[in-house]
């Protein structure tokens, strides 16, 4: 009797782990098929003829129009560099550099991918509009209140994601330990 009970427990544990990992991989396979650089996440296989199966499930789940591999690469960040979820009531500083690209945009979206730019403001901040430091790095402030220099004013409440889209980029050549992405630092949170 003890053998049958241990066998049933082992089968239950194996099925739970197997189905749990399968569900995780199909709903959030970032650790399997995505590249993570600090808080920034990208699915590098998007836009290729035969993407990784987990990338394919991510594309199907989002249902969004994707860029082709030769067109660009999209990074998203749902947390700051300290791992805390981005909150629309807070102001963040995005600073540093991005991988080499001809052009890039930065926008903010909610969980349904609706743009969160304040009414009357541009929907995205473009690299061609930035004021840069002498070393070509930048500082962008993102939040509900106007800030000096480069800023992206947002409206709404709750959590959100930043979307950084690189166009005509060399990032496809692969990610290494020296690939640089901008940091996201909380500046002010009421």
C-alpha atoms as a PDB file:
ATOM      1  CA  UNK A   1       0.000   0.000   0.000  1.00  0.00           C
ATOM      2  CA  UNK A   2       2.851   2.415   0.871  1.00  0.00           C
ATOM      3  CA  UNK A   3       4.433   1.747  -2.524  1.00  0.00           C
ATOM      4  CA  UNK A   4       1.212   2.683  -4.375  1.00  0.00           C
ATOM      5  CA  UNK A   5       0.841   5.839  -2.285  1.00  0.00           C
ATOM      6  CA  UNK A   6       4.461   6.901  -3.000  1.00  0.00           C
ATOM      7  CA  UNK A   7       3.949   6.121  -6.679  1.00  0.00           C
ATOM      8  CA  UNK A   8       0.808   8.303  -6.831  1.00  0.00           C
ATOM      9  CA  UNK A   9       2.571  11.154  -5.028  1.00  0.00           C
ATOM     10  CA  UNK A  10       5.540  10.899  -7.414  1.00  0.00           C
ATOM     11  CA  UNK A  11       3.221  10.965 -10.434  1.00  0.00           C
ATOM     12  CA  UNK A  12       1.328  13.966  -9.022  1.00  0.00           C
ATOM     13  CA  UNK A  13       4.579  15.845  -8.369  1.00  0.00           C
ATOM     14  CA  UNK A  14       5.942  15.006 -11.842  1.00  0.00           C
ATOM     15  CA  UNK A  15       2.715  16.122 -13.560  1.00  0.00           C
ATOM     16  CA  UNK A  16       2.558  19.325 -11.497  1.00  0.00           C
ATOM     17  CA  UNK A  17       6.128  20.263 -12.318  1.00  0.00           C
ATOM     18  CA  UNK A  18       5.785  19.288 -15.986  1.00  0.00           C
ATOM     19  CA  UNK A  19       2.527  21.137 -16.567  1.00  0.00           C
ATOM     20  CA  UNK A  20       3.672  24.082 -14.432  1.00  0.00           C
ATOM     21  CA  UNK A  21       6.890  24.553 -16.380  1.00  0.00           C
ATOM     22  CA  UNK A  22       5.058  24.130 -19.697  1.00  0.00           C
ATOM     23  CA  UNK A  23       2.494  26.750 -18.676  1.00  0.00           C
ATOM     24  CA  UNK A  24       5.263  29.124 -17.558  1.00  0.00           C
ATOM     25  CA  UNK A  25       7.231  28.652 -20.776  1.00  0.00           C
ATOM     26  CA  UNK A  26       4.178  29.318 -22.935  1.00  0.00           C
ATOM     27  CA  UNK A  27       2.941  32.327 -20.975  1.00  0.00           C
ATOM     28  CA  UNK A  28       6.228  33.913 -19.911  1.00  0.00           C
ATOM     29  CA  UNK A  29       9.162  32.187 -21.577  1.00  0.00           C
ATOM     30  CA  UNK A  30      11.558  35.075 -21.027  1.00  0.00           C
ATOM     31  CA  UNK A  31      14.150  32.915 -19.292  1.00  0.00           C
ATOM     32  CA  UNK A  32      14.088  30.421 -22.159  1.00  0.00           C
ATOM     33  CA  UNK A  33      13.862  32.398 -25.417  1.00  0.00           C
ATOM     34  CA  UNK A  34      14.279  36.061 -24.486  1.00  0.00           C
ATOM     35  CA  UNK A  35      17.391  38.111 -23.830  1.00  0.00           C
ATOM     36  CA  UNK A  36      17.460  40.110 -20.602  1.00  0.00           C
ATOM     37  CA  UNK A  37      19.798  43.081 -20.205  1.00  0.00           C
ATOM     38  CA  UNK A  38      19.117  44.633 -16.814  1.00  0.00           C
ATOM     39  CA  UNK A  39      15.429  45.548 -16.747  1.00  0.00           C
ATOM     40  CA  UNK A  40      15.174  45.383 -20.561  1.00  0.00           C
ATOM     41  CA  UNK A  41      13.813  42.262 -22.266  1.00  0.00           C
ATOM     42  CA  UNK A  42      13.802  41.439 -25.983  1.00  0.00           C
ATOM     43  CA  UNK A  43      12.685  38.470 -28.032  1.00  0.00           C
ATOM     44  CA  UNK A  44      15.535  38.345 -30.537  1.00  0.00           C
ATOM     45  CA  UNK A  45      13.926  35.660 -32.751  1.00  0.00           C
ATOM     46  CA  UNK A  46      10.916  37.849 -33.606  1.00  0.00           C
ATOM     47  CA  UNK A  47      10.885  38.536 -37.333  1.00  0.00           C
ATOM     48  CA  UNK A  48      12.869  35.487 -38.442  1.00  0.00           C
ATOM     49  CA  UNK A  49      11.248  32.883 -40.732  1.00  0.00           C
ATOM     50  CA  UNK A  50      11.307  30.086 -38.112  1.00  0.00           C
ATOM     51  CA  UNK A  51      11.334  31.587 -34.604  1.00  0.00           C
ATOM     52  CA  UNK A  52      11.942  29.602 -31.437  1.00  0.00           C
ATOM     53  CA  UNK A  53       8.696  27.857 -30.324  1.00  0.00           C
ATOM     54  CA  UNK A  54       8.490  29.965 -27.158  1.00  0.00           C
ATOM     55  CA  UNK A  55       9.013  33.128 -29.192  1.00  0.00           C
ATOM     56  CA  UNK A  56       6.207  31.960 -31.481  1.00  0.00           C
ATOM     57  CA  UNK A  57       3.883  31.592 -28.468  1.00  0.00           C
ATOM     58  CA  UNK A  58       4.843  35.111 -27.287  1.00  0.00           C
ATOM     59  CA  UNK A  59       4.027  36.539 -30.740  1.00  0.00           C
ATOM     60  CA  UNK A  60       0.655  34.737 -30.782  1.00  0.00           C
ATOM     61  CA  UNK A  61      -0.174  35.878 -27.254  1.00  0.00           C
ATOM     62  CA  UNK A  62       0.613  39.549 -27.972  1.00  0.00           C
ATOM     63  CA  UNK A  63      -1.181  39.588 -31.314  1.00  0.00           C
ATOM     64  CA  UNK A  64       0.742  42.738 -32.271  1.00  0.00           C
ATOM     65  CA  UNK A  65       2.342  43.661 -35.555  1.00  0.00           C
ATOM     66  CA  UNK A  66       6.016  42.735 -35.230  1.00  0.00           C
ATOM     67  CA  UNK A  67       9.042  44.258 -36.920  1.00  0.00           C
ATOM     68  CA  UNK A  68      11.004  42.096 -39.323  1.00  0.00           C
ATOM     69  CA  UNK A  69      14.497  41.094 -38.306  1.00  0.00           C
ATOM     70  CA  UNK A  70      16.081  43.580 -40.697  1.00  0.00           C
ATOM     71  CA  UNK A  71      13.776  46.407 -39.581  1.00  0.00           C
ATOM     72  CA  UNK A  72      14.402  46.622 -35.866  1.00  0.00           C
ATOM     73  CA  UNK A  73      14.324  45.198 -32.388  1.00  0.00           C
ATOM     74  CA  UNK A  74      11.933  46.004 -29.529  1.00  0.00           C
ATOM     75  CA  UNK A  75      12.931  46.018 -25.855  1.00  0.00           C
ATOM     76  CA  UNK A  76      10.424  46.266 -23.000  1.00  0.00           C
ATOM     77  CA  UNK A  77      10.953  47.040 -19.315  1.00  0.00           C
ATOM     78  CA  UNK A  78       8.296  46.539 -16.642  1.00  0.00           C
ATOM     79  CA  UNK A  79      10.663  47.269 -13.735  1.00  0.00           C
ATOM     80  CA  UNK A  80      13.348  49.778 -12.884  1.00  0.00           C
ATOM     81  CA  UNK A  81      16.983  48.722 -12.555  1.00  0.00           C
ATOM     82  CA  UNK A  82      16.382  47.840  -8.880  1.00  0.00           C
ATOM     83  CA  UNK A  83      13.627  45.377  -9.858  1.00  0.00           C
ATOM     84  CA  UNK A  84      10.681  47.466  -8.625  1.00  0.00           C
ATOM     85  CA  UNK A  85       7.604  47.608 -10.916  1.00  0.00           C
ATOM     86  CA  UNK A  86       7.191  50.852 -12.872  1.00  0.00           C
ATOM     87  CA  UNK A  87       4.372  52.993 -11.433  1.00  0.00           C
ATOM     88  CA  UNK A  88       2.646  55.860 -13.255  1.00  0.00           C
ATOM     89  CA  UNK A  89       2.629  58.022 -10.109  1.00  0.00           C
ATOM     90  CA  UNK A  90       6.460  57.970  -9.969  1.00  0.00           C
ATOM     91  CA  UNK A  91       9.108  59.769 -11.999  1.00  0.00           C
ATOM     92  CA  UNK A  92      12.021  57.771 -13.449  1.00  0.00           C
ATOM     93  CA  UNK A  93      15.345  58.730 -15.023  1.00  0.00           C
ATOM     94  CA  UNK A  94      16.477  56.660 -17.994  1.00  0.00           C
ATOM     95  CA  UNK A  95      20.149  57.276 -18.602  1.00  0.00           C
ATOM     96  CA  UNK A  96      23.048  55.862 -20.536  1.00  0.00           C
ATOM     97  CA  UNK A  97      23.290  54.622 -24.096  1.00  0.00           C
ATOM     98  CA  UNK A  98      21.549  52.192 -26.423  1.00  0.00           C
ATOM     99  CA  UNK A  99      23.118  49.697 -28.872  1.00  0.00           C
ATOM    100  CA  UNK A 100      24.087  51.268 -32.189  1.00  0.00           C
ATOM    101  CA  UNK A 101      21.037  51.990 -34.322  1.00  0.00           C
ATOM    102  CA  UNK A 102      20.001  54.489 -36.973  1.00  0.00           C
ATOM    103  CA  UNK A 103      16.980  55.639 -35.000  1.00  0.00           C
ATOM    104  CA  UNK A 104      15.037  54.654 -31.882  1.00  0.00           C
ATOM    105  CA  UNK A 105      11.835  55.520 -30.040  1.00  0.00           C
ATOM    106  CA  UNK A 106      10.764  55.302 -26.404  1.00  0.00           C
ATOM    107  CA  UNK A 107       7.123  55.011 -25.368  1.00  0.00           C
ATOM    108  CA  UNK A 108       5.074  53.814 -22.394  1.00  0.00           C
ATOM    109  CA  UNK A 109       2.178  51.354 -22.587  1.00  0.00           C
ATOM    110  CA  UNK A 110      -0.252  49.731 -20.164  1.00  0.00           C
ATOM    111  CA  UNK A 111      -0.993  46.004 -19.942  1.00  0.00           C
ATOM    112  CA  UNK A 112      -3.325  46.244 -22.982  1.00  0.00           C
ATOM    113  CA  UNK A 113      -0.594  48.025 -25.010  1.00  0.00           C
ATOM    114  CA  UNK A 114      -2.434  51.375 -24.984  1.00  0.00           C
ATOM    115  CA  UNK A 115      -0.067  54.316 -25.187  1.00  0.00           C
ATOM    116  CA  UNK A 116       0.109  56.314 -21.937  1.00  0.00           C
ATOM    117  CA  UNK A 117       1.441  59.628 -23.258  1.00  0.00           C
ATOM    118  CA  UNK A 118      -0.281  62.639 -21.720  1.00  0.00           C
ATOM    119  CA  UNK A 119      -3.010  64.210 -23.887  1.00  0.00           C
ATOM    120  CA  UNK A 120      -1.551  66.662 -26.391  1.00  0.00           C
ATOM    121  CA  UNK A 121       1.952  65.151 -26.141  1.00  0.00           C
ATOM    122  CA  UNK A 122       3.843  63.057 -28.691  1.00  0.00           C
ATOM    123  CA  UNK A 123       3.140  59.336 -28.345  1.00  0.00           C
ATOM    124  CA  UNK A 124       6.857  58.509 -28.246  1.00  0.00           C
ATOM    125  CA  UNK A 125      10.165  60.203 -27.633  1.00  0.00           C
ATOM    126  CA  UNK A 126      12.478  59.946 -30.660  1.00  0.00           C
ATOM    127  CA  UNK A 127      16.269  59.720 -30.621  1.00  0.00           C
ATOM    128  CA  UNK A 128      16.517  62.561 -33.129  1.00  0.00           C
ATOM    129  CA  UNK A 129      14.933  64.967 -30.597  1.00  0.00           C
ATOM    130  CA  UNK A 130      17.201  64.300 -27.618  1.00  0.00           C
ATOM    131  CA  UNK A 131      19.537  66.683 -25.887  1.00  0.00           C
ATOM    132  CA  UNK A 132      22.675  64.651 -25.168  1.00  0.00           C
ATOM    133  CA  UNK A 133      25.647  65.021 -22.842  1.00  0.00           C
ATOM    134  CA  UNK A 134      29.152  65.639 -24.228  1.00  0.00           C
ATOM    135  CA  UNK A 135      29.914  61.897 -24.170  1.00  0.00           C
ATOM    136  CA  UNK A 136      26.777  61.232 -26.317  1.00  0.00           C
ATOM    137  CA  UNK A 137      24.920  59.636 -23.401  1.00  0.00           C
ATOM    138  CA  UNK A 138      21.421  60.846 -22.538  1.00  0.00           C
ATOM    139  CA  UNK A 139      19.041  61.360 -19.634  1.00  0.00           C
ATOM    140  CA  UNK A 140      15.313  61.002 -20.159  1.00  0.00           C
ATOM    141  CA  UNK A 141      12.750  61.669 -17.436  1.00  0.00           C
ATOM    142  CA  UNK A 142       9.514  59.676 -17.587  1.00  0.00           C
ATOM    143  CA  UNK A 143       6.540  60.425 -15.373  1.00  0.00           C
ATOM    144  CA  UNK A 144       3.435  62.479 -14.688  1.00  0.00           C
ATOM    145  CA  UNK A 145       5.204  65.838 -14.201  1.00  0.00           C
ATOM    146  CA  UNK A 146       7.251  67.943 -16.620  1.00  0.00           C
ATOM    147  CA  UNK A 147      10.987  67.684 -15.988  1.00  0.00           C
ATOM    148  CA  UNK A 148      13.995  69.539 -17.474  1.00  0.00           C
ATOM    149  CA  UNK A 149      15.918  68.272 -20.496  1.00  0.00           C
ATOM    150  CA  UNK A 150      14.391  65.217 -22.209  1.00  0.00           C
ATOM    151  CA  UNK A 151      11.082  64.053 -20.830  1.00  0.00           C
ATOM    152  CA  UNK A 152       8.137  61.845 -21.682  1.00  0.00           C
ATOM    153  CA  UNK A 153       5.010  62.994 -19.852  1.00  0.00           C
ATOM    154  CA  UNK A 154       2.598  60.206 -18.943  1.00  0.00           C
ATOM    155  CA  UNK A 155      -1.021  60.119 -17.797  1.00  0.00           C
ATOM    156  CA  UNK A 156      -2.972  57.464 -15.918  1.00  0.00           C
ATOM    157  CA  UNK A 157      -2.428  55.308 -12.873  1.00  0.00           C
ATOM    158  CA  UNK A 158      -1.102  51.853 -12.099  1.00  0.00           C
ATOM    159  CA  UNK A 159       1.779  49.865 -13.508  1.00  0.00           C
ATOM    160  CA  UNK A 160       3.162  50.181 -17.018  1.00  0.00           C
ATOM    161  CA  UNK A 161       5.958  49.126 -19.363  1.00  0.00           C
ATOM    162  CA  UNK A 162       8.513  51.153 -21.256  1.00  0.00           C
ATOM    163  CA  UNK A 163       9.019  50.174 -24.898  1.00  0.00           C
ATOM    164  CA  UNK A 164      12.343  50.993 -26.555  1.00  0.00           C
ATOM    165  CA  UNK A 165      12.354  50.205 -30.283  1.00  0.00           C
ATOM    166  CA  UNK A 166      15.683  50.241 -32.148  1.00  0.00           C
ATOM    167  CA  UNK A 167      15.502  50.614 -35.931  1.00  0.00           C
ATOM    168  CA  UNK A 168      18.257  49.434 -38.280  1.00  0.00           C
ATOM    169  CA  UNK A 169      20.391  48.184 -35.406  1.00  0.00           C
ATOM    170  CA  UNK A 170      23.529  46.095 -34.976  1.00  0.00           C
ATOM    171  CA  UNK A 171      22.073  44.460 -31.849  1.00  0.00           C
ATOM    172  CA  UNK A 172      21.186  41.409 -33.973  1.00  0.00           C
ATOM    173  CA  UNK A 173      24.821  40.399 -34.024  1.00  0.00           C
ATOM    174  CA  UNK A 174      24.291  39.035 -30.527  1.00  0.00           C
ATOM    175  CA  UNK A 175      24.367  40.139 -26.949  1.00  0.00           C
ATOM    176  CA  UNK A 176      27.514  39.998 -24.879  1.00  0.00           C
ATOM    177  CA  UNK A 177      28.422  41.095 -21.360  1.00  0.00           C
ATOM    178  CA  UNK A 178      29.468  44.494 -22.712  1.00  0.00           C
ATOM    179  CA  UNK A 179      26.154  45.190 -24.493  1.00  0.00           C
ATOM    180  CA  UNK A 180      24.963  48.433 -22.932  1.00  0.00           C
ATOM    181  CA  UNK A 181      21.356  49.359 -22.230  1.00  0.00           C
ATOM    182  CA  UNK A 182      20.142  52.436 -20.372  1.00  0.00           C
ATOM    183  CA  UNK A 183      19.482  52.215 -16.650  1.00  0.00           C
ATOM    184  CA  UNK A 184      16.061  53.048 -15.194  1.00  0.00           C
ATOM    185  CA  UNK A 185      16.280  54.835 -11.838  1.00  0.00           C
ATOM    186  CA  UNK A 186      13.404  55.988  -9.640  1.00  0.00           C
ATOM    187  CA  UNK A 187      13.730  59.740  -9.088  1.00  0.00           C
ATOM    188  CA  UNK A 188      10.595  60.633  -7.148  1.00  0.00           C
ATOM    189  CA  UNK A 189       7.670  58.593  -5.915  1.00  0.00           C
ATOM    190  CA  UNK A 190       4.935  60.098  -3.715  1.00  0.00           C
END
